[in-house]
Amino acid sequence: MCPDKGSTPTSSSSSSPIGEIVRLLRTINGESQAELAETLRISPDTLDGIEKGHYIPGPELMDIIVEHFDMPMALLTPGIHGEKNLDLFEDLQKLFVSILRIRTYSAQSKEDPTTPEPS
């Protein structure tokens, strides 16, 4: 699978939560991968790769993502905070992912009361 223009492959040691954030936001919005991929003007395979952490969106694609989800870029990219604030940024990003997981669980459990709690 080859990424669309605007996304780059990650190294195997990469641990960026960008893909998980995109997946959780897509789920909360009730969008399929195909729908979001069309909105972002990328292939569904590339979106799948981003969500699984195989690709990191480039700057142009990141702009489209944050605009679509109406969220600050700072929740996806640590670079603008500088190295001294990187630990704080990573903690905030983990908190954001946890909140998204809870919102996703809440939405799913309303539809299906047998939905297991998030890990």
N, C-alpha and C. Protein backbone atom coordinates (compact mmCIF):
# COMPACT_ATOMS: atom_id res chain seq x y z
N MET A 1 0.85 -1.17 0.00
CA MET A 1 0.00 0.00 0.00
C MET A 1 0.89 1.23 0.00
N CYS A 2 0.63 2.18 -0.85
CA CYS A 2 1.41 3.39 -0.97
C CYS A 2 0.59 4.57 -0.44
N PRO A 3 1.17 5.40 0.45
CA PRO A 3 0.38 6.49 0.99
C PRO A 3 0.08 7.56 -0.06
N ASP A 4 -1.05 8.25 0.14
CA ASP A 4 -1.37 9.39 -0.71
C ASP A 4 -0.37 10.50 -0.44
N LYS A 5 -0.30 11.41 -1.38
CA LYS A 5 0.54 12.59 -1.19
C LYS A 5 0.07 13.30 0.08
N GLY A 6 0.99 13.70 0.91
CA GLY A 6 0.62 14.39 2.13
C GLY A 6 0.70 13.54 3.38
N SER A 7 1.12 12.28 3.26
CA SER A 7 1.33 11.46 4.44
C SER A 7 2.64 10.70 4.25
N THR A 8 3.32 10.44 5.36
CA THR A 8 4.61 9.76 5.28
C THR A 8 4.60 8.52 6.16
N PRO A 9 5.31 7.47 5.73
CA PRO A 9 5.38 6.26 6.55
C PRO A 9 6.07 6.57 7.89
N THR A 10 5.69 5.85 8.94
CA THR A 10 6.33 6.02 10.24
C THR A 10 7.35 4.91 10.42
N SER A 11 8.27 5.13 11.33
CA SER A 11 9.22 4.07 11.66
C SER A 11 8.52 3.08 12.58
N SER A 12 9.04 1.90 12.67
CA SER A 12 8.41 0.87 13.50
C SER A 12 8.43 1.24 14.97
N SER A 13 9.32 2.17 15.37
CA SER A 13 9.39 2.57 16.78
C SER A 13 8.51 3.78 17.07
N SER A 14 7.80 4.28 16.06
CA SER A 14 6.96 5.45 16.26
C SER A 14 5.78 5.13 17.16
N SER A 15 5.43 6.09 18.03
CA SER A 15 4.30 5.85 18.93
C SER A 15 3.35 7.04 18.92
N SER A 16 3.15 7.65 17.78
CA SER A 16 2.28 8.81 17.66
C SER A 16 0.82 8.41 17.80
N PRO A 17 0.08 9.10 18.68
CA PRO A 17 -1.34 8.78 18.84
C PRO A 17 -2.24 9.50 17.83
N ILE A 18 -1.67 10.15 16.84
CA ILE A 18 -2.49 10.88 15.86
C ILE A 18 -3.54 9.97 15.24
N GLY A 19 -3.14 8.79 14.83
CA GLY A 19 -4.07 7.86 14.20
C GLY A 19 -5.22 7.47 15.11
N GLU A 20 -4.90 7.22 16.37
CA GLU A 20 -5.96 6.85 17.32
C GLU A 20 -6.91 8.02 17.53
N ILE A 21 -6.39 9.23 17.61
CA ILE A 21 -7.23 10.41 17.76
C ILE A 21 -8.15 10.55 16.55
N VAL A 22 -7.60 10.40 15.35
CA VAL A 22 -8.42 10.51 14.13
C VAL A 22 -9.50 9.43 14.13
N ARG A 23 -9.15 8.20 14.49
CA ARG A 23 -10.12 7.11 14.51
C ARG A 23 -11.23 7.38 15.52
N LEU A 24 -10.85 7.83 16.72
CA LEU A 24 -11.85 8.10 17.74
C LEU A 24 -12.77 9.25 17.34
N LEU A 25 -12.21 10.32 16.78
CA LEU A 25 -13.04 11.44 16.34
C LEU A 25 -13.98 11.01 15.22
N ARG A 26 -13.47 10.20 14.30
CA ARG A 26 -14.31 9.69 13.20
C ARG A 26 -15.46 8.87 13.76
N THR A 27 -15.17 8.02 14.74
CA THR A 27 -16.18 7.18 15.35
C THR A 27 -17.24 8.03 16.07
N ILE A 28 -16.78 9.01 16.83
CA ILE A 28 -17.71 9.90 17.54
C ILE A 28 -18.62 10.62 16.55
N ASN A 29 -18.06 11.03 15.42
CA ASN A 29 -18.84 11.74 14.40
C ASN A 29 -19.74 10.80 13.60
N GLY A 30 -19.59 9.50 13.80
CA GLY A 30 -20.43 8.54 13.08
C GLY A 30 -20.06 8.41 11.61
N GLU A 31 -18.78 8.67 11.29
CA GLU A 31 -18.33 8.59 9.90
C GLU A 31 -17.65 7.26 9.63
N SER A 32 -17.84 6.75 8.44
CA SER A 32 -17.10 5.56 8.02
C SER A 32 -15.72 6.02 7.53
N GLN A 33 -14.81 5.06 7.39
CA GLN A 33 -13.49 5.40 6.84
C GLN A 33 -13.65 5.96 5.43
N ALA A 34 -14.53 5.37 4.64
CA ALA A 34 -14.73 5.84 3.26
C ALA A 34 -15.23 7.28 3.24
N GLU A 35 -16.17 7.61 4.13
CA GLU A 35 -16.70 8.98 4.17
C GLU A 35 -15.62 9.99 4.57
N LEU A 36 -14.86 9.66 5.62
CA LEU A 36 -13.82 10.59 6.06
C LEU A 36 -12.72 10.69 5.01
N ALA A 37 -12.33 9.58 4.42
CA ALA A 37 -11.29 9.61 3.39
C ALA A 37 -11.70 10.52 2.24
N GLU A 38 -12.97 10.45 1.84
CA GLU A 38 -13.46 11.32 0.76
C GLU A 38 -13.37 12.78 1.18
N THR A 39 -13.77 13.09 2.40
CA THR A 39 -13.70 14.45 2.91
C THR A 39 -12.26 14.96 2.94
N LEU A 40 -11.34 14.09 3.35
CA LEU A 40 -9.93 14.47 3.45
C LEU A 40 -9.21 14.42 2.10
N ARG A 41 -9.88 13.90 1.10
CA ARG A 41 -9.33 13.76 -0.26
C ARG A 41 -8.10 12.83 -0.27
N ILE A 42 -8.25 11.70 0.45
CA ILE A 42 -7.23 10.66 0.44
C ILE A 42 -7.94 9.32 0.22
N SER A 43 -7.18 8.28 -0.04
CA SER A 43 -7.79 6.97 -0.24
C SER A 43 -8.16 6.35 1.12
N PRO A 44 -9.17 5.49 1.12
CA PRO A 44 -9.50 4.78 2.36
C PRO A 44 -8.32 3.97 2.91
N ASP A 45 -7.49 3.43 2.03
CA ASP A 45 -6.31 2.68 2.48
C ASP A 45 -5.34 3.58 3.24
N THR A 46 -5.16 4.81 2.75
CA THR A 46 -4.26 5.74 3.44
C THR A 46 -4.84 6.12 4.79
N LEU A 47 -6.15 6.39 4.85
CA LEU A 47 -6.77 6.71 6.14
C LEU A 47 -6.61 5.54 7.10
N ASP A 48 -6.81 4.32 6.62
CA ASP A 48 -6.62 3.14 7.45
C ASP A 48 -5.18 3.09 7.98
N GLY A 49 -4.22 3.40 7.12
CA GLY A 49 -2.81 3.42 7.53
C GLY A 49 -2.53 4.49 8.56
N ILE A 50 -3.17 5.65 8.42
CA ILE A 50 -3.01 6.72 9.41
C ILE A 50 -3.59 6.28 10.75
N GLU A 51 -4.81 5.72 10.71
CA GLU A 51 -5.46 5.29 11.94
C GLU A 51 -4.68 4.18 12.65
N LYS A 52 -4.00 3.35 11.90
CA LYS A 52 -3.21 2.26 12.49
C LYS A 52 -1.80 2.70 12.86
N GLY A 53 -1.44 3.95 12.57
CA GLY A 53 -0.12 4.47 12.91
C GLY A 53 0.97 4.15 11.90
N HIS A 54 0.60 3.67 10.71
CA HIS A 54 1.59 3.36 9.69
C HIS A 54 2.04 4.62 8.94
N TYR A 55 1.19 5.64 8.92
CA TYR A 55 1.49 6.90 8.24
C TYR A 55 1.18 8.06 9.17
N ILE A 56 1.94 9.13 9.02
CA ILE A 56 1.68 10.38 9.72
C ILE A 56 1.26 11.40 8.66
N PRO A 57 0.12 12.06 8.87
CA PRO A 57 -0.32 13.05 7.87
C PRO A 57 0.68 14.20 7.77
N GLY A 58 0.88 14.68 6.54
CA GLY A 58 1.72 15.85 6.32
C GLY A 58 1.00 17.11 6.75
N PRO A 59 1.69 18.26 6.70
CA PRO A 59 1.10 19.52 7.17
C PRO A 59 -0.22 19.90 6.49
N GLU A 60 -0.31 19.73 5.19
CA GLU A 60 -1.54 20.09 4.47
C GLU A 60 -2.70 19.21 4.92
N LEU A 61 -2.45 17.91 5.03
CA LEU A 61 -3.49 16.98 5.45
C LEU A 61 -3.87 17.24 6.91
N MET A 62 -2.90 17.56 7.76
CA MET A 62 -3.19 17.89 9.16
C MET A 62 -4.13 19.09 9.23
N ASP A 63 -3.88 20.10 8.39
CA ASP A 63 -4.76 21.27 8.36
C ASP A 63 -6.20 20.88 8.03
N ILE A 64 -6.35 19.99 7.06
CA ILE A 64 -7.69 19.55 6.67
C ILE A 64 -8.35 18.75 7.80
N ILE A 65 -7.57 17.91 8.49
CA ILE A 65 -8.09 17.11 9.59
C ILE A 65 -8.58 18.01 10.73
N VAL A 66 -7.75 18.96 11.16
CA VAL A 66 -8.15 19.80 12.29
C VAL A 66 -9.33 20.70 11.92
N GLU A 67 -9.38 21.12 10.67
CA GLU A 67 -10.53 21.93 10.23
C GLU A 67 -11.80 21.07 10.23
N HIS A 68 -11.69 19.86 9.71
CA HIS A 68 -12.86 18.98 9.66
C HIS A 68 -13.42 18.68 11.05
N PHE A 69 -12.53 18.40 12.01
CA PHE A 69 -12.96 18.06 13.36
C PHE A 69 -13.09 19.28 14.27
N ASP A 70 -12.78 20.47 13.74
CA ASP A 70 -12.88 21.72 14.48
C ASP A 70 -12.13 21.62 15.81
N MET A 71 -10.84 21.33 15.71
CA MET A 71 -10.01 21.15 16.89
C MET A 71 -8.68 21.87 16.70
N PRO A 72 -8.00 22.21 17.78
CA PRO A 72 -6.70 22.89 17.64
C PRO A 72 -5.61 21.93 17.16
N MET A 73 -4.75 22.43 16.31
CA MET A 73 -3.61 21.65 15.81
C MET A 73 -2.74 21.16 16.97
N ALA A 74 -2.70 21.92 18.05
CA ALA A 74 -1.83 21.59 19.18
C ALA A 74 -2.13 20.22 19.78
N LEU A 75 -3.35 19.71 19.58
CA LEU A 75 -3.67 18.39 20.12
C LEU A 75 -3.06 17.27 19.29
N LEU A 76 -2.61 17.58 18.10
CA LEU A 76 -2.02 16.55 17.24
C LEU A 76 -0.51 16.67 17.09
N THR A 77 0.02 17.88 17.20
CA THR A 77 1.43 18.07 16.89
C THR A 77 2.21 18.71 18.04
N PRO A 78 3.22 18.02 18.54
CA PRO A 78 4.01 18.58 19.65
C PRO A 78 5.03 19.61 19.21
N GLY A 79 5.36 19.69 17.94
CA GLY A 79 6.45 20.55 17.47
C GLY A 79 6.31 22.01 17.84
N ILE A 80 5.09 22.53 17.90
CA ILE A 80 4.92 23.95 18.18
C ILE A 80 5.10 24.29 19.65
N HIS A 81 5.20 23.28 20.50
CA HIS A 81 5.34 23.52 21.93
C HIS A 81 6.80 23.57 22.38
N GLY A 82 7.72 23.10 21.58
CA GLY A 82 9.12 23.07 21.95
C GLY A 82 9.44 21.86 22.81
N GLU A 83 10.71 21.53 22.87
CA GLU A 83 11.16 20.34 23.60
C GLU A 83 10.86 20.40 25.09
N LYS A 84 10.99 21.58 25.71
CA LYS A 84 10.80 21.64 27.17
C LYS A 84 9.38 21.32 27.59
N ASN A 85 8.41 21.51 26.69
CA ASN A 85 7.02 21.23 27.03
C ASN A 85 6.53 19.91 26.45
N LEU A 86 7.42 19.12 25.91
CA LEU A 86 7.02 17.88 25.25
C LEU A 86 6.36 16.90 26.22
N ASP A 87 6.89 16.76 27.44
CA ASP A 87 6.27 15.86 28.42
C ASP A 87 4.85 16.29 28.75
N LEU A 88 4.66 17.59 28.95
CA LEU A 88 3.33 18.11 29.23
C LEU A 88 2.40 17.84 28.05
N PHE A 89 2.92 18.09 26.84
CA PHE A 89 2.12 17.85 25.64
C PHE A 89 1.70 16.39 25.56
N GLU A 90 2.63 15.48 25.78
CA GLU A 90 2.31 14.05 25.70
C GLU A 90 1.27 13.66 26.74
N ASP A 91 1.35 14.24 27.94
CA ASP A 91 0.34 13.97 28.97
C ASP A 91 -1.02 14.49 28.55
N LEU A 92 -1.07 15.69 27.98
CA LEU A 92 -2.33 16.25 27.51
C LEU A 92 -2.92 15.42 26.37
N GLN A 93 -2.04 14.95 25.49
CA GLN A 93 -2.50 14.13 24.37
C GLN A 93 -3.09 12.81 24.88
N LYS A 94 -2.46 12.19 25.88
CA LYS A 94 -2.98 10.96 26.46
C LYS A 94 -4.34 11.22 27.13
N LEU A 95 -4.47 12.35 27.80
CA LEU A 95 -5.74 12.71 28.42
C LEU A 95 -6.82 12.88 27.36
N PHE A 96 -6.48 13.54 26.26
CA PHE A 96 -7.43 13.74 25.17
C PHE A 96 -7.89 12.40 24.60
N VAL A 97 -6.95 11.49 24.40
CA VAL A 97 -7.31 10.16 23.88
C VAL A 97 -8.23 9.44 24.87
N SER A 98 -7.95 9.55 26.16
CA SER A 98 -8.81 8.92 27.17
C SER A 98 -10.21 9.50 27.14
N ILE A 99 -10.33 10.81 27.00
CA ILE A 99 -11.64 11.45 26.92
C ILE A 99 -12.38 10.95 25.68
N LEU A 100 -11.68 10.87 24.56
CA LEU A 100 -12.32 10.38 23.34
C LEU A 100 -12.78 8.94 23.49
N ARG A 101 -11.98 8.11 24.15
CA ARG A 101 -12.38 6.72 24.38
C ARG A 101 -13.66 6.65 25.23
N ILE A 102 -13.73 7.49 26.25
CA ILE A 102 -14.91 7.50 27.11
C ILE A 102 -16.13 7.96 26.32
N ARG A 103 -15.97 9.00 25.51
CA ARG A 103 -17.09 9.48 24.69
C ARG A 103 -17.53 8.42 23.69
N THR A 104 -16.57 7.72 23.10
CA THR A 104 -16.90 6.66 22.15
C THR A 104 -17.65 5.53 22.87
N TYR A 105 -17.15 5.14 24.04
CA TYR A 105 -17.82 4.09 24.83
C TYR A 105 -19.23 4.52 25.19
N SER A 106 -19.39 5.77 25.63
CA SER A 106 -20.71 6.27 26.02
C SER A 106 -21.69 6.20 24.85
N ALA A 107 -21.23 6.64 23.68
CA ALA A 107 -22.09 6.61 22.50
C ALA A 107 -22.45 5.18 22.11
N GLN A 108 -21.48 4.28 22.17
CA GLN A 108 -21.73 2.89 21.80
C GLN A 108 -22.62 2.19 22.82
N SER A 109 -22.45 2.49 24.11
CA SER A 109 -23.23 1.80 25.13
C SER A 109 -24.69 2.26 25.12
N LYS A 110 -24.95 3.47 24.63
CA LYS A 110 -26.34 3.91 24.49
C LYS A 110 -27.05 3.09 23.42
N GLU A 111 -26.29 2.74 22.37
CA GLU A 111 -26.85 1.93 21.29
C GLU A 111 -26.93 0.46 21.68
N ASP A 112 -25.92 -0.01 22.43
CA ASP A 112 -25.85 -1.43 22.80
C ASP A 112 -25.37 -1.52 24.25
N PRO A 113 -26.28 -1.75 25.20
CA PRO A 113 -25.91 -1.80 26.61
C PRO A 113 -24.90 -2.89 26.98
N THR A 114 -24.63 -3.83 26.08
CA THR A 114 -23.67 -4.90 26.37
C THR A 114 -22.25 -4.52 25.93
N THR A 115 -22.03 -3.29 25.48
CA THR A 115 -20.71 -2.84 25.05
C THR A 115 -19.73 -2.92 26.22
N PRO A 116 -18.57 -3.61 26.05
CA PRO A 116 -17.60 -3.70 27.15
C PRO A 116 -16.94 -2.34 27.41
N GLU A 117 -16.53 -2.11 28.66
CA GLU A 117 -15.86 -0.85 29.02
C GLU A 117 -14.52 -0.76 28.31
N PRO A 118 -14.07 0.49 28.01
CA PRO A 118 -12.76 0.65 27.34
C PRO A 118 -11.63 0.26 28.27
N SER A 119 -10.53 -0.23 27.68
CA SER A 119 -9.38 -0.63 28.49
C SER A 119 -8.45 0.52 28.71
